[in-house]
Structures are given as structure tokens and as C-alpha cells.
Amino acid sequence: MTQNSAQEPDAGAGRAAEDPEERLRLLESQVQTLAQALRALARGLEEIPSEDTRLETEAARGARLAHELLLAQGM
């Protein structure tokens, strides 16, 4: 993790979520984003014999998509 791992997560526009329900919503959103990023990475690393694609190209595409998902959520 980064140096921010010990700090409280930001809620939206730089405010710390103080309400437990808001913190839970933020956490759920972050977990959902991480799951989407993980799916993008997994799809990029799949090797499907019936498809004529290069594994390196698909892996790079999956990595880019995962990175974009994380950046879009400020992660």
C-alpha cells in the first residue's frame, strides 16, 4: 500500500467520511471498483484457444482498463 494507508479514506471531494453509513457506502464503492479492475485483469490474462488474439495484447488491454477504472475512482 502507499503512505496513505494509515490515513482515513477520502469521501468524494477530499472530505473524510465521518458518518458510518457514508464510510460503508464509500468502502462498498471501492470494493466494487477493485472487483471490476480484477475482472479486467483476469480477462486480459485469459488464453482462449478458439480466439486468434495475442495474449500480450489482451493482457496489456486488461491492465490499461484496470488502471483506468482505479484512476476514475481516485484509487
PDB file of N, CA and C in Angstrom:
ATOM      1  N   MET A   1       0.837  -1.174   0.000  1.00  0.00           N
ATOM      2  CA  MET A   1       0.000   0.000   0.000  1.00  0.00           C
ATOM      3  C   MET A   1       0.881   1.236   0.000  1.00  0.00           C
ATOM      4  N   THR A   2       0.287   2.374  -0.110  1.00  0.00           N
ATOM      5  CA  THR A   2       1.029   3.619  -0.152  1.00  0.00           C
ATOM      6  C   THR A   2       1.114   4.232   1.227  1.00  0.00           C
ATOM      7  N   GLN A   3       1.735   5.378   1.289  1.00  0.00           N
ATOM      8  CA  GLN A   3       1.887   6.052   2.561  1.00  0.00           C
ATOM      9  C   GLN A   3       0.559   6.524   3.127  1.00  0.00           C
ATOM     10  N   ASN A   4      -0.505   6.569   2.326  1.00  0.00           N
ATOM     11  CA  ASN A   4      -1.811   6.999   2.784  1.00  0.00           C
ATOM     12  C   ASN A   4      -2.598   5.883   3.450  1.00  0.00           C
ATOM     13  N   SER A   5      -2.051   4.681   3.530  1.00  0.00           N
ATOM     14  CA  SER A   5      -2.801   3.548   4.036  1.00  0.00           C
ATOM     15  C   SER A   5      -3.190   3.702   5.499  1.00  0.00           C
ATOM     16  N   ALA A   6      -2.469   4.491   6.271  1.00  0.00           N
ATOM     17  CA  ALA A   6      -2.802   4.673   7.675  1.00  0.00           C
ATOM     18  C   ALA A   6      -3.800   5.798   7.882  1.00  0.00           C
ATOM     19  N   GLN A   7      -4.057   6.570   6.837  1.00  0.00           N
ATOM     20  CA  GLN A   7      -4.983   7.676   6.953  1.00  0.00           C
ATOM     21  C   GLN A   7      -6.391   7.218   6.636  1.00  0.00           C
ATOM     22  N   GLU A   8      -7.366   7.999   7.115  1.00  0.00           N
ATOM     23  CA  GLU A   8      -8.760   7.704   6.837  1.00  0.00           C
ATOM     24  C   GLU A   8      -9.045   7.973   5.367  1.00  0.00           C
ATOM     25  N   PRO A   9      -9.827   7.110   4.696  1.00  0.00           N
ATOM     26  CA  PRO A   9     -10.091   7.314   3.270  1.00  0.00           C
ATOM     27  C   PRO A   9     -10.882   8.584   3.026  1.00  0.00           C
ATOM     28  N   ASP A  10     -10.656   9.163   1.849  1.00  0.00           N
ATOM     29  CA  ASP A  10     -11.384  10.363   1.460  1.00  0.00           C
ATOM     30  C   ASP A  10     -12.753   9.987   0.924  1.00  0.00           C
ATOM     31  N   ALA A  11     -13.719  10.844   1.191  1.00  0.00           N
ATOM     32  CA  ALA A  11     -15.065  10.655   0.655  1.00  0.00           C
ATOM     33  C   ALA A  11     -15.310  11.715  -0.392  1.00  0.00           C
ATOM     34  N   GLY A  12     -15.272  11.307  -1.629  1.00  0.00           N
ATOM     35  CA  GLY A  12     -15.577  12.238  -2.697  1.00  0.00           C
ATOM     36  C   GLY A  12     -14.528  13.308  -2.848  1.00  0.00           C
ATOM     37  N   ALA A  13     -14.926  14.570  -2.683  1.00  0.00           N
ATOM     38  CA  ALA A  13     -14.069  15.719  -2.979  1.00  0.00           C
ATOM     39  C   ALA A  13     -13.167  16.076  -1.815  1.00  0.00           C
ATOM     40  N   GLY A  14     -12.393  15.150  -1.316  1.00  0.00           N
ATOM     41  CA  GLY A  14     -11.388  15.449  -0.313  1.00  0.00           C
ATOM     42  C   GLY A  14     -11.889  15.540   1.116  1.00  0.00           C
ATOM     43  N   ARG A  15     -13.139  15.215   1.374  1.00  0.00           N
ATOM     44  CA  ARG A  15     -13.655  15.241   2.745  1.00  0.00           C
ATOM     45  C   ARG A  15     -13.570  13.847   3.336  1.00  0.00           C
ATOM     46  N   ALA A  16     -13.242  13.776   4.609  1.00  0.00           N
ATOM     47  CA  ALA A  16     -13.216  12.487   5.288  1.00  0.00           C
ATOM     48  C   ALA A  16     -14.650  12.103   5.644  1.00  0.00           C
ATOM     49  N   ALA A  17     -15.016  10.858   5.386  1.00  0.00           N
ATOM     50  CA  ALA A  17     -16.361  10.380   5.706  1.00  0.00           C
ATOM     51  C   ALA A  17     -16.440  10.117   7.199  1.00  0.00           C
ATOM     52  N   GLU A  18     -17.238  10.886   7.894  1.00  0.00           N
ATOM     53  CA  GLU A  18     -17.362  10.718   9.336  1.00  0.00           C
ATOM     54  C   GLU A  18     -18.564   9.863   9.700  1.00  0.00           C
ATOM     55  N   ASP A  19     -19.603   9.891   8.892  1.00  0.00           N
ATOM     56  CA  ASP A  19     -20.807   9.119   9.127  1.00  0.00           C
ATOM     57  C   ASP A  19     -20.528   7.650   8.807  1.00  0.00           C
ATOM     58  N   PRO A  20     -20.823   6.728   9.736  1.00  0.00           N
ATOM     59  CA  PRO A  20     -20.549   5.307   9.468  1.00  0.00           C
ATOM     60  C   PRO A  20     -21.240   4.790   8.204  1.00  0.00           C
ATOM     61  N   GLU A  21     -22.460   5.249   7.937  1.00  0.00           N
ATOM     62  CA  GLU A  21     -23.153   4.797   6.729  1.00  0.00           C
ATOM     63  C   GLU A  21     -22.450   5.300   5.473  1.00  0.00           C
ATOM     64  N   GLU A  22     -21.961   6.540   5.517  1.00  0.00           N
ATOM     65  CA  GLU A  22     -21.230   7.094   4.374  1.00  0.00           C
ATOM     66  C   GLU A  22     -19.908   6.350   4.177  1.00  0.00           C
ATOM     67  N   ARG A  23     -19.243   6.026   5.275  1.00  0.00           N
ATOM     68  CA  ARG A  23     -17.993   5.259   5.181  1.00  0.00           C
ATOM     69  C   ARG A  23     -18.249   3.892   4.572  1.00  0.00           C
ATOM     70  N   LEU A  24     -19.376   3.271   4.961  1.00  0.00           N
ATOM     71  CA  LEU A  24     -19.722   1.963   4.408  1.00  0.00           C
ATOM     72  C   LEU A  24     -20.006   2.069   2.913  1.00  0.00           C
ATOM     73  N   ARG A  25     -20.741   3.104   2.495  1.00  0.00           N
ATOM     74  CA  ARG A  25     -21.010   3.302   1.066  1.00  0.00           C
ATOM     75  C   ARG A  25     -19.710   3.505   0.292  1.00  0.00           C
ATOM     76  N   LEU A  26     -18.802   4.292   0.858  1.00  0.00           N
ATOM     77  CA  LEU A  26     -17.510   4.525   0.214  1.00  0.00           C
ATOM     78  C   LEU A  26     -16.729   3.217   0.084  1.00  0.00           C
ATOM     79  N   LEU A  27     -16.699   2.444   1.145  1.00  0.00           N
ATOM     80  CA  LEU A  27     -15.991   1.166   1.126  1.00  0.00           C
ATOM     81  C   LEU A  27     -16.598   0.218   0.098  1.00  0.00           C
ATOM     82  N   GLU A  28     -17.930   0.148   0.053  1.00  0.00           N
ATOM     83  CA  GLU A  28     -18.588  -0.713  -0.926  1.00  0.00           C
ATOM     84  C   GLU A  28     -18.255  -0.283  -2.353  1.00  0.00           C
ATOM     85  N   SER A  29     -18.223   1.008  -2.588  1.00  0.00           N
ATOM     86  CA  SER A  29     -17.875   1.530  -3.913  1.00  0.00           C
ATOM     87  C   SER A  29     -16.443   1.166  -4.283  1.00  0.00           C
ATOM     88  N   GLN A  30     -15.541   1.287  -3.323  1.00  0.00           N
ATOM     89  CA  GLN A  30     -14.142   0.953  -3.584  1.00  0.00           C
ATOM     90  C   GLN A  30     -13.969  -0.536  -3.848  1.00  0.00           C
ATOM     91  N   VAL A  31     -14.669  -1.374  -3.098  1.00  0.00           N
ATOM     92  CA  VAL A  31     -14.585  -2.823  -3.307  1.00  0.00           C
ATOM     93  C   VAL A  31     -15.137  -3.184  -4.682  1.00  0.00           C
ATOM     94  N   GLN A  32     -16.238  -2.542  -5.078  1.00  0.00           N
ATOM     95  CA  GLN A  32     -16.809  -2.796  -6.399  1.00  0.00           C
ATOM     96  C   GLN A  32     -15.827  -2.398  -7.500  1.00  0.00           C
ATOM     97  N   THR A  33     -15.168  -1.262  -7.337  1.00  0.00           N
ATOM     98  CA  THR A  33     -14.183  -0.817  -8.325  1.00  0.00           C
ATOM     99  C   THR A  33     -13.007  -1.785  -8.394  1.00  0.00           C
ATOM    100  N   LEU A  34     -12.540  -2.239  -7.244  1.00  0.00           N
ATOM    101  CA  LEU A  34     -11.441  -3.210  -7.230  1.00  0.00           C
ATOM    102  C   LEU A  34     -11.851  -4.517  -7.903  1.00  0.00           C
ATOM    103  N   ALA A  35     -13.087  -4.953  -7.693  1.00  0.00           N
ATOM    104  CA  ALA A  35     -13.573  -6.174  -8.339  1.00  0.00           C
ATOM    105  C   ALA A  35     -13.620  -5.995  -9.853  1.00  0.00           C
ATOM    106  N   GLN A  36     -14.069  -4.831 -10.323  1.00  0.00           N
ATOM    107  CA  GLN A  36     -14.095  -4.567 -11.761  1.00  0.00           C
ATOM    108  C   GLN A  36     -12.681  -4.574 -12.336  1.00  0.00           C
ATOM    109  N   ALA A  37     -11.749  -3.974 -11.619  1.00  0.00           N
ATOM    110  CA  ALA A  37     -10.360  -3.944 -12.082  1.00  0.00           C
ATOM    111  C   ALA A  37      -9.781  -5.355 -12.135  1.00  0.00           C
ATOM    112  N   LEU A  38     -10.092  -6.156 -11.138  1.00  0.00           N
ATOM    113  CA  LEU A  38      -9.602  -7.532 -11.108  1.00  0.00           C
ATOM    114  C   LEU A  38     -10.183  -8.347 -12.263  1.00  0.00           C
ATOM    115  N   ARG A  39     -11.483  -8.156 -12.547  1.00  0.00           N
ATOM    116  CA  ARG A  39     -12.087  -8.851 -13.690  1.00  0.00           C
ATOM    117  C   ARG A  39     -11.419  -8.438 -14.998  1.00  0.00           C
ATOM    118  N   ALA A  40     -11.112  -7.153 -15.145  1.00  0.00           N
ATOM    119  CA  ALA A  40     -10.446  -6.677 -16.363  1.00  0.00           C
ATOM    120  C   ALA A  40      -9.073  -7.320 -16.507  1.00  0.00           C
ATOM    121  N   LEU A  41      -8.342  -7.415 -15.407  1.00  0.00           N
ATOM    122  CA  LEU A  41      -7.028  -8.067 -15.454  1.00  0.00           C
ATOM    123  C   LEU A  41      -7.159  -9.547 -15.796  1.00  0.00           C
ATOM    124  N   ALA A  42      -8.122 -10.226 -15.177  1.00  0.00           N
ATOM    125  CA  ALA A  42      -8.305 -11.658 -15.432  1.00  0.00           C
ATOM    126  C   ALA A  42      -8.683 -11.912 -16.885  1.00  0.00           C
ATOM    127  N   ARG A  43      -9.591 -11.090 -17.431  1.00  0.00           N
ATOM    128  CA  ARG A  43      -9.968 -11.252 -18.843  1.00  0.00           C
ATOM    129  C   ARG A  43      -8.764 -11.045 -19.750  1.00  0.00           C
ATOM    130  N   GLY A  44      -7.920 -10.089 -19.391  1.00  0.00           N
ATOM    131  CA  GLY A  44      -6.742  -9.820 -20.202  1.00  0.00           C
ATOM    132  C   GLY A  44      -5.733 -10.953 -20.171  1.00  0.00           C
ATOM    133  N   LEU A  45      -5.755 -11.742 -19.111  1.00  0.00           N
ATOM    134  CA  LEU A  45      -4.793 -12.836 -18.985  1.00  0.00           C
ATOM    135  C   LEU A  45      -5.354 -14.184 -19.430  1.00  0.00           C
ATOM    136  N   GLU A  46      -6.653 -14.232 -19.741  1.00  0.00           N
ATOM    137  CA  GLU A  46      -7.243 -15.485 -20.205  1.00  0.00           C
ATOM    138  C   GLU A  46      -6.652 -15.865 -21.556  1.00  0.00           C
ATOM    139  N   GLU A  47      -6.412 -17.128 -21.719  1.00  0.00           N
ATOM    140  CA  GLU A  47      -5.950 -17.634 -23.014  1.00  0.00           C
ATOM    141  C   GLU A  47      -7.032 -18.557 -23.549  1.00  0.00           C
ATOM    142  N   ILE A  48      -7.788 -18.059 -24.499  1.00  0.00           N
ATOM    143  CA  ILE A  48      -8.887 -18.829 -25.075  1.00  0.00           C
ATOM    144  C   ILE A  48      -8.413 -19.388 -26.416  1.00  0.00           C
ATOM    145  N   PRO A  49      -8.258 -20.717 -26.510  1.00  0.00           N
ATOM    146  CA  PRO A  49      -7.707 -21.323 -27.723  1.00  0.00           C
ATOM    147  C   PRO A  49      -8.518 -21.044 -28.983  1.00  0.00           C
ATOM    148  N   SER A  50      -9.826 -20.870 -28.863  1.00  0.00           N
ATOM    149  CA  SER A  50     -10.660 -20.677 -30.052  1.00  0.00           C
ATOM    150  C   SER A  50     -10.540 -19.280 -30.642  1.00  0.00           C
ATOM    151  N   GLU A  51      -9.987 -18.352 -29.899  1.00  0.00           N
ATOM    152  CA  GLU A  51      -9.844 -16.990 -30.397  1.00  0.00           C
ATOM    153  C   GLU A  51      -8.411 -16.755 -30.864  1.00  0.00           C
ATOM    154  N   ASP A  52      -8.287 -16.071 -31.976  1.00  0.00           N
ATOM    155  CA  ASP A  52      -6.975 -15.825 -32.563  1.00  0.00           C
ATOM    156  C   ASP A  52      -6.477 -14.431 -32.163  1.00  0.00           C
ATOM    157  N   THR A  53      -6.161 -14.273 -30.893  1.00  0.00           N
ATOM    158  CA  THR A  53      -5.632 -12.998 -30.403  1.00  0.00           C
ATOM    159  C   THR A  53      -4.307 -13.250 -29.706  1.00  0.00           C
ATOM    160  N   ARG A  54      -3.526 -12.218 -29.637  1.00  0.00           N
ATOM    161  CA  ARG A  54      -2.238 -12.344 -28.963  1.00  0.00           C
ATOM    162  C   ARG A  54      -2.418 -12.089 -27.477  1.00  0.00           C
ATOM    163  N   LEU A  55      -1.876 -12.958 -26.657  1.00  0.00           N
ATOM    164  CA  LEU A  55      -2.016 -12.853 -25.210  1.00  0.00           C
ATOM    165  C   LEU A  55      -1.436 -11.548 -24.689  1.00  0.00           C
ATOM    166  N   GLU A  56      -0.309 -11.110 -25.240  1.00  0.00           N
ATOM    167  CA  GLU A  56       0.316  -9.874 -24.763  1.00  0.00           C
ATOM    168  C   GLU A  56      -0.595  -8.669 -24.995  1.00  0.00           C
ATOM    169  N   THR A  57      -1.243  -8.636 -26.144  1.00  0.00           N
ATOM    170  CA  THR A  57      -2.141  -7.529 -26.472  1.00  0.00           C
ATOM    171  C   THR A  57      -3.324  -7.502 -25.515  1.00  0.00           C
ATOM    172  N   GLU A  58      -3.913  -8.668 -25.265  1.00  0.00           N
ATOM    173  CA  GLU A  58      -5.061  -8.739 -24.362  1.00  0.00           C
ATOM    174  C   GLU A  58      -4.657  -8.430 -22.926  1.00  0.00           C
ATOM    175  N   ALA A  59      -3.483  -8.881 -22.510  1.00  0.00           N
ATOM    176  CA  ALA A  59      -3.010  -8.587 -21.156  1.00  0.00           C
ATOM    177  C   ALA A  59      -2.790  -7.090 -20.983  1.00  0.00           C
ATOM    178  N   ALA A  60      -2.209  -6.457 -21.988  1.00  0.00           N
ATOM    179  CA  ALA A  60      -1.979  -5.013 -21.921  1.00  0.00           C
ATOM    180  C   ALA A  60      -3.301  -4.258 -21.891  1.00  0.00           C
ATOM    181  N   ARG A  61      -4.261  -4.697 -22.683  1.00  0.00           N
ATOM    182  CA  ARG A  61      -5.579  -4.054 -22.702  1.00  0.00           C
ATOM    183  C   ARG A  61      -6.254  -4.192 -21.333  1.00  0.00           C
ATOM    184  N   GLY A  62      -6.182  -5.378 -20.736  1.00  0.00           N
ATOM    185  CA  GLY A  62      -6.766  -5.594 -19.413  1.00  0.00           C
ATOM    186  C   GLY A  62      -6.104  -4.738 -18.349  1.00  0.00           C
ATOM    187  N   ALA A  63      -4.783  -4.621 -18.428  1.00  0.00           N
ATOM    188  CA  ALA A  63      -4.054  -3.798 -17.461  1.00  0.00           C
ATOM    189  C   ALA A  63      -4.417  -2.325 -17.610  1.00  0.00           C
ATOM    190  N   ARG A  64      -4.535  -1.857 -18.851  1.00  0.00           N
ATOM    191  CA  ARG A  64      -4.933  -0.455 -19.078  1.00  0.00           C
ATOM    192  C   ARG A  64      -6.331  -0.184 -18.544  1.00  0.00           C
ATOM    193  N   LEU A  65      -7.261  -1.096 -18.811  1.00  0.00           N
ATOM    194  CA  LEU A  65      -8.631  -0.922 -18.344  1.00  0.00           C
ATOM    195  C   LEU A  65      -8.685  -0.912 -16.821  1.00  0.00           C
ATOM    196  N   ALA A  66      -7.967  -1.833 -16.190  1.00  0.00           N
ATOM    197  CA  ALA A  66      -7.935  -1.870 -14.727  1.00  0.00           C
ATOM    198  C   ALA A  66      -7.371  -0.568 -14.171  1.00  0.00           C
ATOM    199  N   HIS A  67      -6.313  -0.084 -14.777  1.00  0.00           N
ATOM    200  CA  HIS A  67      -5.696   1.167 -14.329  1.00  0.00           C
ATOM    201  C   HIS A  67      -6.664   2.334 -14.488  1.00  0.00           C
ATOM    202  N   GLU A  68      -7.360   2.398 -15.615  1.00  0.00           N
ATOM    203  CA  GLU A  68      -8.324   3.476 -15.848  1.00  0.00           C
ATOM    204  C   GLU A  68      -9.478   3.422 -14.852  1.00  0.00           C
ATOM    205  N   LEU A  69      -9.948   2.215 -14.530  1.00  0.00           N
ATOM    206  CA  LEU A  69     -11.021   2.078 -13.542  1.00  0.00           C
ATOM    207  C   LEU A  69     -10.585   2.618 -12.184  1.00  0.00           C
ATOM    208  N   LEU A  70      -9.375   2.253 -11.782  1.00  0.00           N
ATOM    209  CA  LEU A  70      -8.872   2.712 -10.484  1.00  0.00           C
ATOM    210  C   LEU A  70      -8.660   4.221 -10.472  1.00  0.00           C
ATOM    211  N   LEU A  71      -8.113   4.767 -11.541  1.00  0.00           N
ATOM    212  CA  LEU A  71      -7.904   6.213 -11.616  1.00  0.00           C
ATOM    213  C   LEU A  71      -9.225   6.970 -11.598  1.00  0.00           C
ATOM    214  N   ALA A  72     -10.225   6.442 -12.291  1.00  0.00           N
ATOM    215  CA  ALA A  72     -11.523   7.109 -12.350  1.00  0.00           C
ATOM    216  C   ALA A  72     -12.174   7.206 -10.973  1.00  0.00           C
ATOM    217  N   GLN A  73     -11.859   6.257 -10.101  1.00  0.00           N
ATOM    218  CA  GLN A  73     -12.419   6.275  -8.754  1.00  0.00           C
ATOM    219  C   GLN A  73     -11.480   6.920  -7.741  1.00  0.00           C
ATOM    220  N   GLY A  74     -10.391   7.480  -8.223  1.00  0.00           N
ATOM    221  CA  GLY A  74      -9.452   8.157  -7.327  1.00  0.00           C
ATOM    222  C   GLY A  74      -8.679   7.202  -6.443  1.00  0.00           C
ATOM    223  N   MET A  75      -8.445   6.014  -6.931  1.00  0.00           N
ATOM    224  CA  MET A  75      -7.746   4.999  -6.132  1.00  0.00           C
ATOM    225  C   MET A  75      -6.321   4.840  -6.621  1.00  0.00           C
TER     226      MET A  75
END
